[in-house]
Amino acid sequence: MARDKPLTGLFHRIHELTALALLALIAVHVAAALYHRFVLKDRVLQSTWPGRARRA
């Protein structure tokens, strides 16, 4: 792989972009959880913890 510089560069760039996409998805997920907790106050976040009984 080290001999093929263009292919190595392509894989490096793909790796960087997917890492940034994953970080963005994590940030959006955390923001949505905080939105549910502090703005909507609908206890969605609390319902995800283990040991909590789900209400119908």
N, C-alpha and C. Protein backbone atom coordinates (compact mmCIF):
# COMPACT_ATOMS: atom_id res chain seq x y z
N MET A 1 0.82 -1.18 0.00
CA MET A 1 0.00 0.00 0.00
C MET A 1 0.87 1.26 0.00
N ALA A 2 1.99 1.23 0.69
CA ALA A 2 2.83 2.42 0.78
C ALA A 2 3.44 2.78 -0.57
N ARG A 3 3.54 1.82 -1.46
CA ARG A 3 4.10 2.10 -2.78
C ARG A 3 3.11 2.86 -3.67
N ASP A 4 1.82 2.68 -3.41
CA ASP A 4 0.80 3.32 -4.23
C ASP A 4 0.31 4.59 -3.52
N LYS A 5 1.04 5.68 -3.72
CA LYS A 5 0.75 6.93 -3.02
C LYS A 5 -0.65 7.47 -3.28
N PRO A 6 -1.15 7.46 -4.53
CA PRO A 6 -2.50 7.99 -4.74
C PRO A 6 -3.57 7.17 -4.02
N LEU A 7 -3.43 5.85 -4.01
CA LEU A 7 -4.41 5.00 -3.33
C LEU A 7 -4.32 5.19 -1.81
N THR A 8 -3.11 5.32 -1.30
CA THR A 8 -2.93 5.58 0.13
C THR A 8 -3.57 6.91 0.51
N GLY A 9 -3.38 7.92 -0.30
CA GLY A 9 -4.00 9.22 -0.05
C GLY A 9 -5.51 9.15 -0.08
N LEU A 10 -6.05 8.38 -1.03
CA LEU A 10 -7.51 8.23 -1.13
C LEU A 10 -8.06 7.57 0.13
N PHE A 11 -7.44 6.49 0.56
CA PHE A 11 -7.91 5.80 1.76
C PHE A 11 -7.77 6.68 3.00
N HIS A 12 -6.73 7.46 3.06
CA HIS A 12 -6.55 8.37 4.19
C HIS A 12 -7.67 9.42 4.21
N ARG A 13 -7.98 9.95 3.05
CA ARG A 13 -9.04 10.97 2.96
C ARG A 13 -10.40 10.37 3.31
N ILE A 14 -10.67 9.15 2.83
CA ILE A 14 -11.93 8.48 3.17
C ILE A 14 -12.01 8.25 4.68
N HIS A 15 -10.89 7.85 5.27
CA HIS A 15 -10.85 7.62 6.71
C HIS A 15 -11.14 8.91 7.47
N GLU A 16 -10.55 10.01 7.04
CA GLU A 16 -10.80 11.30 7.69
C GLU A 16 -12.26 11.71 7.58
N LEU A 17 -12.83 11.57 6.39
CA LEU A 17 -14.22 11.99 6.18
C LEU A 17 -15.20 11.15 6.97
N THR A 18 -14.98 9.84 7.01
CA THR A 18 -15.90 9.00 7.79
C THR A 18 -15.76 9.25 9.29
N ALA A 19 -14.55 9.57 9.74
CA ALA A 19 -14.36 9.91 11.15
C ALA A 19 -15.11 11.20 11.49
N LEU A 20 -15.03 12.19 10.62
CA LEU A 20 -15.76 13.44 10.85
C LEU A 20 -17.27 13.22 10.80
N ALA A 21 -17.72 12.38 9.89
CA ALA A 21 -19.15 12.07 9.80
C ALA A 21 -19.63 11.38 11.08
N LEU A 22 -18.84 10.45 11.60
CA LEU A 22 -19.20 9.77 12.84
C LEU A 22 -19.26 10.76 14.01
N LEU A 23 -18.29 11.64 14.10
CA LEU A 23 -18.30 12.65 15.16
C LEU A 23 -19.52 13.57 15.04
N ALA A 24 -19.89 13.92 13.82
CA ALA A 24 -21.06 14.76 13.61
C ALA A 24 -22.33 14.03 14.04
N LEU A 25 -22.44 12.75 13.71
CA LEU A 25 -23.61 11.97 14.12
C LEU A 25 -23.70 11.86 15.64
N ILE A 26 -22.56 11.66 16.29
CA ILE A 26 -22.55 11.59 17.75
C ILE A 26 -23.00 12.92 18.35
N ALA A 27 -22.50 14.02 17.80
CA ALA A 27 -22.88 15.35 18.30
C ALA A 27 -24.37 15.61 18.13
N VAL A 28 -24.92 15.23 16.99
CA VAL A 28 -26.36 15.41 16.75
C VAL A 28 -27.17 14.55 17.71
N HIS A 29 -26.70 13.33 17.95
CA HIS A 29 -27.40 12.42 18.85
C HIS A 29 -27.42 12.98 20.28
N VAL A 30 -26.29 13.48 20.73
CA VAL A 30 -26.21 14.07 22.07
C VAL A 30 -27.09 15.32 22.16
N ALA A 31 -27.06 16.14 21.12
CA ALA A 31 -27.89 17.34 21.11
C ALA A 31 -29.37 16.99 21.16
N ALA A 32 -29.77 15.96 20.44
CA ALA A 32 -31.17 15.53 20.46
C ALA A 32 -31.57 15.01 21.83
N ALA A 33 -30.68 14.27 22.48
CA ALA A 33 -30.98 13.78 23.82
C ALA A 33 -31.14 14.94 24.80
N LEU A 34 -30.25 15.91 24.72
CA LEU A 34 -30.35 17.07 25.60
C LEU A 34 -31.59 17.91 25.29
N TYR A 35 -31.96 18.00 24.04
CA TYR A 35 -33.18 18.71 23.64
C TYR A 35 -34.40 18.05 24.27
N HIS A 36 -34.45 16.72 24.20
CA HIS A 36 -35.58 16.01 24.81
C HIS A 36 -35.60 16.21 26.33
N ARG A 37 -34.42 16.23 26.94
CA ARG A 37 -34.35 16.34 28.40
C ARG A 37 -34.70 17.73 28.90
N PHE A 38 -34.12 18.76 28.28
CA PHE A 38 -34.25 20.11 28.85
C PHE A 38 -35.29 20.98 28.17
N VAL A 39 -35.65 20.72 26.93
CA VAL A 39 -36.64 21.56 26.24
C VAL A 39 -38.01 20.88 26.27
N LEU A 40 -38.07 19.65 25.78
CA LEU A 40 -39.36 18.97 25.73
C LEU A 40 -39.76 18.36 27.07
N LYS A 41 -38.77 18.04 27.90
CA LYS A 41 -39.00 17.45 29.23
C LYS A 41 -39.93 16.25 29.15
N ASP A 42 -39.64 15.35 28.19
CA ASP A 42 -40.53 14.21 27.97
C ASP A 42 -39.98 12.88 28.48
N ARG A 43 -38.90 12.91 29.26
CA ARG A 43 -38.32 11.76 29.92
C ARG A 43 -37.87 10.65 28.97
N VAL A 44 -37.60 10.98 27.73
CA VAL A 44 -37.09 9.98 26.79
C VAL A 44 -35.72 9.50 27.23
N LEU A 45 -34.88 10.40 27.67
CA LEU A 45 -33.53 10.04 28.09
C LEU A 45 -33.58 9.08 29.28
N GLN A 46 -34.43 9.34 30.23
CA GLN A 46 -34.52 8.48 31.41
C GLN A 46 -35.05 7.09 31.04
N SER A 47 -35.88 6.99 30.03
CA SER A 47 -36.45 5.69 29.65
C SER A 47 -35.41 4.77 29.02
N THR A 48 -34.25 5.29 28.65
CA THR A 48 -33.23 4.46 28.03
C THR A 48 -32.33 3.78 29.05
N TRP A 49 -32.37 4.18 30.30
CA TRP A 49 -31.50 3.59 31.32
C TRP A 49 -31.98 2.20 31.68
N PRO A 50 -31.05 1.27 31.94
CA PRO A 50 -31.45 -0.08 32.34
C PRO A 50 -32.20 -0.10 33.66
N GLY A 51 -33.12 -1.04 33.79
CA GLY A 51 -33.86 -1.19 35.03
C GLY A 51 -35.10 -0.32 35.12
N ARG A 52 -35.32 0.51 34.14
CA ARG A 52 -36.51 1.36 34.15
C ARG A 52 -37.66 0.61 33.48
N ALA A 53 -38.78 0.57 34.13
CA ALA A 53 -39.97 -0.06 33.55
C ALA A 53 -40.55 0.85 32.49
N ARG A 54 -40.89 0.28 31.38
CA ARG A 54 -41.52 1.07 30.32
C ARG A 54 -43.00 1.23 30.60
N ARG A 55 -43.45 2.45 30.40
CA ARG A 55 -44.88 2.73 30.63
C ARG A 55 -45.61 2.64 29.30
N ALA A 56 -46.78 2.11 29.35
CA ALA A 56 -47.59 1.95 28.12
C ALA A 56 -48.35 3.20 27.80
